[in-house]
Amino acid sequence: MPAFYIDAGYTRALEKFEGKSILSAQQVEDVVAYLTTLKEE
């Protein structure tokens, strides 16, 4: 199962995970938006 929004092109994914991704496109955007708000103090 891919870790991001890509859901094809993997050669060693288990059959039950083929065509699926862990995060949706919206979830990836949300994570990126959150990470850009973090600042070191």
Protein backbone atom coordinates (compact mmCIF):
# COMPACT_ATOMS: atom_id res chain seq x y z
CA MET A 1 0.00 0.00 0.00
CA PRO A 2 1.52 3.32 -1.01
CA ALA A 3 2.12 5.85 1.72
CA PHE A 4 0.70 8.78 -0.21
CA TYR A 5 -1.93 9.48 -2.84
CA ILE A 6 -0.31 7.36 -5.57
CA ASP A 7 -2.22 4.11 -6.05
CA ALA A 8 -0.53 2.39 -9.01
CA GLY A 9 2.87 1.25 -10.17
CA TYR A 10 3.97 -0.64 -7.07
CA THR A 11 5.34 -4.11 -7.63
CA ARG A 12 5.37 -5.59 -4.12
CA ALA A 13 2.06 -4.43 -2.68
CA LEU A 14 -0.22 -7.09 -1.27
CA GLU A 15 -3.11 -7.94 -3.57
CA LYS A 16 -5.71 -6.65 -1.09
CA PHE A 17 -4.01 -3.21 -1.11
CA GLU A 18 -3.61 -2.82 -4.88
CA GLY A 19 -5.32 0.30 -6.18
CA LYS A 20 -5.62 1.82 -2.71
CA SER A 21 -3.68 4.52 -0.94
CA ILE A 22 -3.32 5.26 2.76
CA LEU A 23 -4.10 8.97 2.39
CA SER A 24 -6.58 10.69 0.09
CA ALA A 25 -5.55 13.77 -1.88
CA GLN A 26 -7.35 15.99 0.64
CA GLN A 27 -5.58 14.33 3.56
CA VAL A 28 -2.18 14.88 1.93
CA GLU A 29 -3.03 18.56 1.43
CA ASP A 30 -4.14 18.83 5.07
CA VAL A 31 -0.88 17.32 6.33
CA VAL A 32 1.19 19.66 4.17
CA ALA A 33 -0.84 22.67 5.34
CA TYR A 34 -0.33 21.65 8.97
CA LEU A 35 3.41 21.10 8.53
CA THR A 36 3.84 24.54 6.98
CA THR A 37 2.37 26.10 10.14
CA LEU A 38 4.98 24.56 12.43
CA LYS A 39 7.77 26.83 13.57
CA GLU A 40 10.87 26.22 15.64
CA GLU A 41 11.10 28.31 18.77
